[in-house]
Amino acid sequence: MPTFTYHAIDARGRDDHGQLTAPGEEQAVAALKARGLFPTRVAIAEPKPAPGPGRERWRRPWPAPVRTRDLAVFTRQLATLLRAGLPLVRGLETLARQERNVALKAVMVALADDIRSGSALSEALGRHPRHFDRLQINLVRAGEAAGALDAVLDRLARFQEKSLRLRGKVKAALVYPLCVIAVALLILAGLLVFVVPRFKQIFADLLKGAALPPLTQAVVSLSEAVKSHGLLILGVAGAAWLGARLLLRTPGGRRLVDGLAVRLPVCGELLLKSLVAQFSRTLGTLLASGVPILPALAIARDTCGNQRIAGAIDVVHHRVKEGDPVAAPLESTGVFPGMVTSLIDVGEHTGQLPEMLGRVADIYEEEVDTAVAGLGSLIEPVMIVFLAGIVGTIVVALFLPIIRVVQLLS
């Protein structure tokens, strides 16, 4: 039976931690609740290996970075503690004591100190712009104004979890073909640098100066170019990569690349659906938390991650500022699909715009799931054919002279 370590809070708000044995995590949580404890973290105890002679535990010389997933877990835990009735400062101190990430622990301690000094949580979050963006700060500020901080934090945690899940699926769909292309390039370089030159020498001895077949001659010429100018090719590739990075840092270059990205044949549609889902989820979450429409549009524009979408949202922001509804200017941009603007129009007329935006986000997240599954099943055979084509072309090119030699001998 596995052993679990736990951190919990008793009925008086005091911390309690220790270990217990249970068949599974759910049974461990049930056992703690039966004792009158409120568990905040339950995990399988990691066995501590006995240090051998002269062996010391290695420690990272720099603090671990704060990932978006860590912040989502922190938001979820803080919302749970506040809903359980624990004061905000006490909740932050409790989470800081059990946090293993040094950087995030320091942020929690700083937040608790600021709140203890009289600052609001939104003001304390604003002092850490590296970890908390405008979306989180404004949501917390709206929750504080409405007196529903726990509900807003819970809504923010759900938003972060769904955004992480959506980004993970899109990255998985886009990274796989890039990895296969990188492997194909490595295989091609290995064949051209190590295999083809040996066959070239064999062909020179067997053919006695006769001309090679055109395909074989092309492969041999490519091999000689790679061997002779390999460093130059790597330098050009590195310069192109650096130039692309610098281009992405400029507003015009970023706008150009983002505009081309959403117009790609297959991946562009997937990217556009994920961006529409993110925009709808962000705007719906802000409006449901009590943030006014103009600041909500500005935050959604700044956090969308694509300059083409941001430009369209900026147009909507200016039109709404002049008194127009959201749906009409959103449709005039030509960026968002017609179904999105239609549902938003219905939401505005029925007074249920946050709910309708959440529905739009759900629809497009489901479409992203379907597109990722279909893209994965399509990419795999295409990549296999791609690899087979590269290797097969070189193999055929190397066997053509052998066939000619056999014909000459016969």
Protein backbone atom coordinates (compact mmCIF):
# COMPACT_ATOMS: atom_id res chain seq x y z
CA MET A 1 0.00 0.00 0.00
CA PRO A 2 1.57 3.36 -1.03
CA THR A 3 2.49 6.08 1.42
CA PHE A 4 1.27 9.65 0.84
CA THR A 5 2.58 12.92 2.22
CA TYR A 6 -0.03 15.58 2.90
CA HIS A 7 -0.42 19.22 3.88
CA ALA A 8 -3.77 20.13 5.39
CA ILE A 9 -5.58 22.69 7.55
CA ASP A 10 -7.63 21.82 10.60
CA ALA A 11 -10.91 23.39 11.72
CA ARG A 12 -9.06 26.16 13.57
CA GLY A 13 -6.99 27.10 10.52
CA ARG A 14 -3.77 25.56 11.80
CA ASP A 15 -1.37 23.77 9.45
CA ASP A 16 -0.97 20.03 9.66
CA HIS A 17 1.31 17.81 7.62
CA GLY A 18 2.57 14.28 7.74
CA GLN A 19 2.24 10.89 6.05
CA LEU A 20 -0.44 8.22 5.80
CA THR A 21 -0.95 4.99 3.90
CA ALA A 22 -3.95 4.47 1.62
CA PRO A 23 -4.83 2.40 -1.47
CA GLY A 24 -4.97 5.56 -3.63
CA GLU A 25 -5.01 9.35 -3.62
CA GLU A 26 -8.81 9.61 -3.37
CA GLN A 27 -8.85 7.29 -0.36
CA ALA A 28 -6.08 9.38 1.25
CA VAL A 29 -8.10 12.58 0.76
CA ALA A 30 -11.21 10.88 2.19
CA ALA A 31 -9.23 9.68 5.22
CA LEU A 32 -7.96 13.20 5.90
CA LYS A 33 -11.46 14.67 5.64
CA ALA A 34 -12.68 12.00 8.05
CA ARG A 35 -10.14 13.33 10.55
CA GLY A 36 -11.61 16.83 10.19
CA LEU A 37 -8.73 18.09 8.06
CA PHE A 38 -8.91 20.06 4.82
CA PRO A 39 -6.13 18.77 2.51
CA THR A 40 -4.32 21.29 0.33
CA ARG A 41 -1.78 18.90 -1.18
CA VAL A 42 -1.62 15.10 -1.28
CA ALA A 43 1.19 13.33 -3.14
CA ILE A 44 2.95 9.96 -3.12
CA ALA A 45 5.94 10.05 -0.79
CA GLU A 46 9.19 9.93 -2.70
CA PRO A 47 11.68 7.42 -1.28
CA LYS A 48 14.87 9.04 -0.05
CA PRO A 49 17.91 7.11 -1.30
CA ALA A 50 20.58 6.53 1.25
CA PRO A 51 23.60 8.67 0.34
CA GLY A 52 26.66 6.63 -0.42
CA PRO A 53 30.12 7.43 0.90
CA GLY A 54 31.34 10.71 -0.48
CA ARG A 55 28.07 11.39 -2.29
CA GLU A 56 26.23 14.65 -1.73
CA ARG A 57 22.88 15.70 -3.04
CA TRP A 58 23.23 17.95 -6.07
CA ARG A 59 21.45 21.26 -5.83
CA ARG A 60 20.54 23.61 -8.63
CA PRO A 61 22.78 26.70 -8.39
CA TRP A 62 19.96 28.92 -9.72
CA PRO A 63 16.26 29.04 -8.78
CA ALA A 64 13.82 27.07 -10.92
CA PRO A 65 11.73 29.28 -13.23
CA VAL A 66 8.09 29.98 -12.50
CA ARG A 67 6.08 28.25 -15.22
CA THR A 68 2.55 29.15 -16.25
CA ARG A 69 1.43 25.76 -15.00
CA ASP A 70 2.85 26.57 -11.54
CA LEU A 71 0.90 29.83 -11.47
CA ALA A 72 -2.29 28.02 -12.47
CA VAL A 73 -1.83 25.55 -9.58
CA PHE A 74 -1.13 28.45 -7.21
CA THR A 75 -4.31 30.25 -8.31
CA ARG A 76 -6.38 27.09 -7.89
CA GLN A 77 -5.00 26.41 -4.39
CA LEU A 78 -5.46 30.00 -3.25
CA ALA A 79 -9.06 30.02 -4.48
CA THR A 80 -9.72 26.76 -2.59
CA LEU A 81 -8.27 28.12 0.65
CA LEU A 82 -10.24 31.36 0.42
CA ARG A 83 -13.44 29.44 -0.28
CA ALA A 84 -12.73 27.35 2.83
CA GLY A 85 -12.75 30.56 4.89
CA LEU A 86 -9.01 31.02 5.40
CA PRO A 87 -7.78 34.64 5.48
CA LEU A 88 -5.80 35.78 2.45
CA VAL A 89 -2.49 36.34 4.22
CA ARG A 90 -2.77 33.02 6.03
CA GLY A 91 -3.54 31.27 2.77
CA LEU A 92 -0.49 32.77 1.05
CA GLU A 93 1.74 31.83 3.99
CA THR A 94 0.37 28.28 3.95
CA LEU A 95 1.04 27.88 0.23
CA ALA A 96 4.50 29.43 0.58
CA ARG A 97 5.51 26.93 3.28
CA GLN A 98 4.70 23.94 1.12
CA GLU A 99 5.96 25.35 -2.21
CA ARG A 100 9.13 23.72 -3.58
CA ASN A 101 9.80 26.22 -6.36
CA VAL A 102 12.11 28.79 -4.79
CA ALA A 103 11.15 31.62 -7.14
CA LEU A 104 7.40 31.10 -6.72
CA LYS A 105 7.83 30.75 -2.95
CA ALA A 106 9.60 34.13 -2.86
CA VAL A 107 6.71 35.67 -4.82
CA MET A 108 4.17 34.24 -2.36
CA VAL A 109 6.10 35.58 0.61
CA ALA A 110 6.33 39.02 -1.02
CA LEU A 111 2.59 39.01 -1.73
CA ALA A 112 1.82 38.13 1.89
CA ASP A 113 4.12 40.92 3.14
CA ASP A 114 2.52 43.50 0.84
CA ILE A 115 -1.01 42.54 1.89
CA ARG A 116 0.00 42.55 5.56
CA SER A 117 1.28 46.11 5.00
CA GLY A 118 -2.13 47.24 3.75
CA SER A 119 -1.97 46.67 -0.01
CA ALA A 120 -4.73 44.97 -1.95
CA LEU A 121 -3.97 41.68 -3.68
CA SER A 122 -4.27 43.29 -7.12
CA GLU A 123 -1.72 45.95 -6.12
CA ALA A 124 0.61 43.26 -4.79
CA LEU A 125 0.30 41.27 -8.02
CA GLY A 126 1.06 44.41 -10.03
CA ARG A 127 4.49 44.59 -8.36
CA HIS A 128 5.41 41.32 -10.09
CA PRO A 129 4.72 41.98 -13.80
CA ARG A 130 7.11 39.21 -14.77
CA HIS A 131 4.76 36.60 -13.33
CA PHE A 132 1.28 38.20 -13.40
CA ASP A 133 -0.12 39.88 -16.52
CA ARG A 134 -2.84 42.51 -16.89
CA LEU A 135 -5.52 39.85 -17.26
CA GLN A 136 -4.83 38.35 -13.85
CA ILE A 137 -4.42 41.72 -12.13
CA ASN A 138 -7.66 43.15 -13.53
CA LEU A 139 -9.63 40.01 -12.73
CA VAL A 140 -8.42 40.12 -9.13
CA ARG A 141 -9.21 43.83 -8.93
CA ALA A 142 -12.76 43.16 -10.16
CA GLY A 143 -13.14 40.34 -7.63
CA GLU A 144 -11.99 42.61 -4.81
CA ALA A 145 -14.46 45.32 -5.86
CA ALA A 146 -17.32 42.82 -5.99
CA GLY A 147 -16.34 41.10 -2.74
CA ALA A 148 -16.07 37.74 -4.52
CA LEU A 149 -12.33 37.20 -4.69
CA ASP A 150 -12.58 33.42 -4.20
CA ALA A 151 -15.07 33.05 -7.08
CA VAL A 152 -12.94 35.21 -9.39
CA LEU A 153 -9.78 33.28 -8.53
CA ASP A 154 -11.62 30.04 -9.22
CA ARG A 155 -12.75 31.41 -12.60
CA LEU A 156 -9.18 32.57 -13.31
CA ALA A 157 -7.81 29.13 -12.44
CA ARG A 158 -10.27 27.47 -14.83
CA PHE A 159 -9.26 29.95 -17.53
CA GLN A 160 -5.55 29.24 -17.01
CA GLU A 161 -6.07 25.48 -17.03
CA LYS A 162 -8.08 25.55 -20.25
CA SER A 163 -5.58 27.90 -21.91
CA LEU A 164 -2.69 25.61 -20.96
CA ARG A 165 -4.55 22.60 -22.30
CA LEU A 166 -5.32 24.38 -25.58
CA ARG A 167 -1.75 25.63 -26.06
CA GLY A 168 -0.36 22.20 -25.31
CA LYS A 169 -2.50 20.60 -28.00
CA VAL A 170 -1.55 23.21 -30.61
CA LYS A 171 2.16 22.92 -29.77
CA ALA A 172 1.99 19.14 -29.97
CA ALA A 173 0.42 19.36 -33.42
CA LEU A 174 3.05 21.83 -34.70
CA VAL A 175 6.18 20.44 -33.02
CA TYR A 176 5.84 16.90 -34.37
CA PRO A 177 6.41 17.75 -38.07
CA LEU A 178 9.27 20.09 -37.16
CA CYS A 179 10.99 17.29 -35.24
CA VAL A 180 10.54 14.88 -38.16
CA ILE A 181 11.97 17.45 -40.60
CA ALA A 182 14.97 17.98 -38.30
CA VAL A 183 15.59 14.22 -38.15
CA ALA A 184 15.30 14.00 -41.94
CA LEU A 185 17.88 16.76 -42.37
CA LEU A 186 20.29 14.99 -39.99
CA ILE A 187 19.88 11.72 -41.90
CA LEU A 188 20.42 13.49 -45.19
CA ALA A 189 23.55 15.24 -43.90
CA GLY A 190 24.95 11.94 -42.58
CA LEU A 191 24.40 10.19 -45.93
CA LEU A 192 25.92 13.04 -47.91
CA VAL A 193 28.97 13.46 -45.68
CA PHE A 194 29.86 9.85 -44.80
CA VAL A 195 28.16 7.41 -47.22
CA VAL A 196 28.13 9.06 -50.64
CA PRO A 197 31.91 9.87 -50.75
CA ARG A 198 32.79 6.20 -50.23
CA PHE A 199 30.51 5.13 -53.06
CA LYS A 200 32.02 7.83 -55.26
CA GLN A 201 35.46 6.26 -54.89
CA ILE A 202 34.04 2.81 -55.66
CA PHE A 203 32.32 4.12 -58.78
CA ALA A 204 35.52 5.79 -59.99
CA ASP A 205 37.38 2.44 -59.75
CA LEU A 206 34.63 0.40 -61.41
CA LEU A 207 33.56 2.72 -64.21
CA LYS A 208 37.14 3.67 -65.24
CA GLY A 209 36.26 7.30 -65.90
CA ALA A 210 32.86 6.69 -67.49
CA ALA A 211 30.13 9.26 -66.83
CA LEU A 212 27.83 8.70 -63.88
CA PRO A 213 24.04 8.66 -64.31
CA PRO A 214 22.51 12.16 -63.98
CA LEU A 215 20.77 11.40 -60.66
CA THR A 216 23.95 9.92 -59.18
CA GLN A 217 26.02 12.87 -60.42
CA ALA A 218 23.55 15.29 -58.79
CA VAL A 219 23.78 13.45 -55.44
CA VAL A 220 27.61 13.34 -55.66
CA SER A 221 27.77 17.07 -56.47
CA LEU A 222 25.49 17.83 -53.53
CA SER A 223 27.71 15.70 -51.28
CA GLU A 224 30.85 17.55 -52.41
CA ALA A 225 29.15 20.90 -51.82
CA VAL A 226 28.08 19.91 -48.31
CA LYS A 227 31.58 18.63 -47.44
CA SER A 228 33.37 21.64 -48.93
CA HIS A 229 31.03 24.37 -47.73
CA GLY A 230 29.43 22.77 -44.67
CA LEU A 231 30.57 25.54 -42.32
CA LEU A 232 29.31 28.19 -44.74
CA ILE A 233 25.93 26.46 -44.96
CA LEU A 234 25.69 26.30 -41.16
CA GLY A 235 26.69 29.95 -40.94
CA VAL A 236 24.04 31.01 -43.44
CA ALA A 237 21.41 28.93 -41.61
CA GLY A 238 22.44 30.47 -38.27
CA ALA A 239 22.34 33.99 -39.74
CA ALA A 240 18.89 33.31 -41.21
CA TRP A 241 17.64 32.06 -37.83
CA LEU A 242 19.09 35.10 -36.06
CA GLY A 243 17.60 37.42 -38.66
CA ALA A 244 14.20 35.82 -38.20
CA ARG A 245 14.44 36.29 -34.44
CA LEU A 246 15.36 39.96 -34.88
CA LEU A 247 12.54 40.40 -37.40
CA LEU A 248 10.03 39.01 -34.91
CA ARG A 249 11.10 41.62 -32.38
CA THR A 250 10.10 44.49 -34.65
CA PRO A 251 6.40 45.53 -34.81
CA GLY A 252 6.27 45.35 -38.60
CA GLY A 253 8.03 41.99 -38.79
CA ARG A 254 5.87 40.52 -36.07
CA ARG A 255 2.73 41.75 -37.82
CA LEU A 256 3.93 40.25 -41.12
CA VAL A 257 4.76 36.86 -39.61
CA ASP A 258 1.55 36.70 -37.58
CA GLY A 259 -0.50 37.56 -40.65
CA LEU A 260 1.21 34.84 -42.70
CA ALA A 261 0.84 32.31 -39.87
CA VAL A 262 -2.96 32.40 -39.84
CA ARG A 263 -3.04 32.08 -43.66
CA LEU A 264 -1.07 28.81 -43.86
CA PRO A 265 -3.00 26.01 -45.61
CA VAL A 266 -3.48 23.57 -42.71
CA CYS A 267 -1.70 24.87 -39.63
CA GLY A 268 -3.05 28.40 -40.18
CA GLU A 269 -6.65 27.27 -39.71
CA LEU A 270 -5.70 25.41 -36.55
CA LEU A 271 -3.86 28.46 -35.22
CA LEU A 272 -6.77 30.77 -36.03
CA LYS A 273 -9.24 28.52 -34.21
CA SER A 274 -7.02 28.44 -31.13
CA LEU A 275 -6.66 32.25 -31.19
CA VAL A 276 -10.44 32.70 -31.52
CA ALA A 277 -10.97 30.34 -28.60
CA GLN A 278 -8.40 32.20 -26.50
CA PHE A 279 -9.90 35.62 -27.31
CA SER A 280 -13.43 34.43 -26.52
CA ARG A 281 -12.34 32.77 -23.28
CA THR A 282 -10.38 35.84 -22.17
CA LEU A 283 -13.09 38.36 -22.96
CA GLY A 284 -15.84 36.17 -21.50
CA THR A 285 -13.90 35.61 -18.27
CA LEU A 286 -13.23 39.33 -17.87
CA LEU A 287 -16.84 40.34 -18.50
CA ALA A 288 -18.19 37.60 -16.20
CA SER A 289 -15.89 38.89 -13.44
CA GLY A 290 -17.24 42.43 -13.70
CA VAL A 291 -14.55 44.11 -15.83
CA PRO A 292 -16.07 46.81 -18.12
CA ILE A 293 -16.15 46.10 -21.85
CA LEU A 294 -13.49 48.65 -22.94
CA PRO A 295 -10.79 47.56 -20.45
CA ALA A 296 -11.72 43.94 -21.18
CA LEU A 297 -11.18 44.45 -24.93
CA ALA A 298 -7.86 46.20 -24.26
CA ILE A 299 -6.67 43.31 -22.08
CA ALA A 300 -7.82 40.72 -24.63
CA ARG A 301 -5.95 42.65 -27.32
CA ASP A 302 -2.72 42.78 -25.32
CA THR A 303 -2.81 39.10 -24.33
CA CYS A 304 -3.95 37.46 -27.58
CA GLY A 305 -0.39 36.76 -28.79
CA ASN A 306 -1.00 37.53 -32.49
CA GLN A 307 -0.64 40.98 -34.05
CA ARG A 308 -3.24 40.33 -36.76
CA ILE A 309 -5.87 39.38 -34.16
CA ALA A 310 -4.72 42.27 -31.94
CA GLY A 311 -5.23 44.71 -34.81
CA ALA A 312 -8.78 43.45 -35.34
CA ILE A 313 -9.55 43.71 -31.62
CA ASP A 314 -8.12 47.25 -31.61
CA VAL A 315 -10.59 48.22 -34.36
CA VAL A 316 -13.43 46.76 -32.28
CA HIS A 317 -12.17 48.66 -29.22
CA HIS A 318 -12.32 52.01 -31.06
CA ARG A 319 -15.77 51.31 -32.50
CA VAL A 320 -17.18 50.23 -29.12
CA LYS A 321 -15.67 53.35 -27.58
CA GLU A 322 -17.72 55.37 -30.06
CA GLY A 323 -20.91 53.56 -29.01
CA ASP A 324 -21.14 50.62 -31.41
CA PRO A 325 -21.83 47.04 -30.28
CA VAL A 326 -19.13 44.37 -30.42
CA ALA A 327 -20.48 42.06 -33.13
CA ALA A 328 -20.73 44.52 -36.06
CA PRO A 329 -17.14 45.88 -35.97
CA LEU A 330 -15.84 42.39 -35.21
CA GLU A 331 -17.46 41.13 -38.41
CA SER A 332 -16.15 44.10 -40.42
CA THR A 333 -12.54 43.16 -39.66
CA GLY A 334 -12.87 39.97 -41.74
CA VAL A 335 -10.64 38.04 -39.33
CA PHE A 336 -13.16 36.27 -37.14
CA PRO A 337 -15.46 33.58 -38.60
CA GLY A 338 -19.11 34.41 -39.18
CA MET A 339 -20.34 31.97 -36.53
CA VAL A 340 -18.36 33.87 -33.87
CA THR A 341 -19.87 37.23 -34.73
CA SER A 342 -23.36 35.72 -34.98
CA LEU A 343 -23.18 34.16 -31.52
CA ILE A 344 -21.73 37.36 -30.05
CA ASP A 345 -24.57 39.33 -31.66
CA VAL A 346 -27.09 36.97 -30.04
CA GLY A 347 -25.33 37.37 -26.69
CA GLU A 348 -25.49 41.17 -26.91
CA HIS A 349 -29.20 41.18 -27.76
CA THR A 350 -30.08 38.73 -24.97
CA GLY A 351 -27.80 40.30 -22.36
CA GLN A 352 -25.78 37.10 -22.03
CA LEU A 353 -22.55 38.11 -23.75
CA PRO A 354 -20.16 36.46 -21.20
CA GLU A 355 -22.04 33.15 -21.41
CA MET A 356 -22.13 33.28 -25.22
CA LEU A 357 -18.39 34.04 -25.37
CA GLY A 358 -17.76 31.02 -23.16
CA ARG A 359 -19.87 28.94 -25.53
CA VAL A 360 -17.84 30.19 -28.51
CA ALA A 361 -14.63 29.25 -26.70
CA ASP A 362 -15.99 25.76 -25.96
CA ILE A 363 -16.99 25.24 -29.60
CA TYR A 364 -13.62 26.26 -30.99
CA GLU A 365 -11.67 24.34 -28.38
CA GLU A 366 -13.58 21.24 -29.47
CA GLU A 367 -12.79 22.06 -33.08
CA VAL A 368 -9.10 22.41 -32.18
CA ASP A 369 -9.22 18.98 -30.53
CA THR A 370 -10.76 17.49 -33.67
CA ALA A 371 -8.31 19.29 -35.95
CA VAL A 372 -5.31 18.17 -33.88
CA ALA A 373 -6.48 14.56 -33.99
CA GLY A 374 -7.04 14.72 -37.76
CA LEU A 375 -3.77 16.54 -38.35
CA GLY A 376 -1.87 13.95 -36.35
CA SER A 377 -3.33 11.08 -38.37
CA LEU A 378 -2.54 12.96 -41.60
CA ILE A 379 0.97 14.11 -40.74
CA GLU A 380 2.30 10.70 -39.75
CA PRO A 381 1.98 9.01 -43.18
CA VAL A 382 3.10 12.20 -44.93
CA MET A 383 6.24 12.35 -42.81
CA ILE A 384 6.93 8.67 -43.43
CA VAL A 385 6.64 9.21 -47.19
CA PHE A 386 8.84 12.31 -46.87
CA LEU A 387 11.60 10.40 -45.08
CA ALA A 388 11.30 7.45 -47.42
CA GLY A 389 11.53 9.78 -50.42
CA ILE A 390 14.77 11.36 -49.19
CA VAL A 391 16.49 8.11 -48.27
CA GLY A 392 15.06 6.26 -51.30
CA THR A 393 16.31 8.91 -53.74
CA ILE A 394 19.87 8.60 -52.42
CA VAL A 395 19.72 4.81 -52.42
CA VAL A 396 18.49 4.71 -56.04
CA ALA A 397 21.18 7.22 -57.04
CA LEU A 398 23.85 4.99 -55.50
CA PHE A 399 22.57 1.80 -57.14
CA LEU A 400 22.24 3.17 -60.67
CA PRO A 401 26.03 3.00 -61.34
CA ILE A 402 26.11 -0.54 -59.95
CA ILE A 403 23.45 -1.54 -62.48
CA ARG A 404 25.49 0.06 -65.26
CA VAL A 405 28.59 -1.86 -64.16
CA VAL A 406 26.66 -5.13 -64.23
CA GLN A 407 25.43 -4.31 -67.71
CA LEU A 408 28.98 -3.57 -68.91
CA LEU A 409 30.30 -6.82 -67.42
CA SER A 410 27.54 -8.85 -69.06
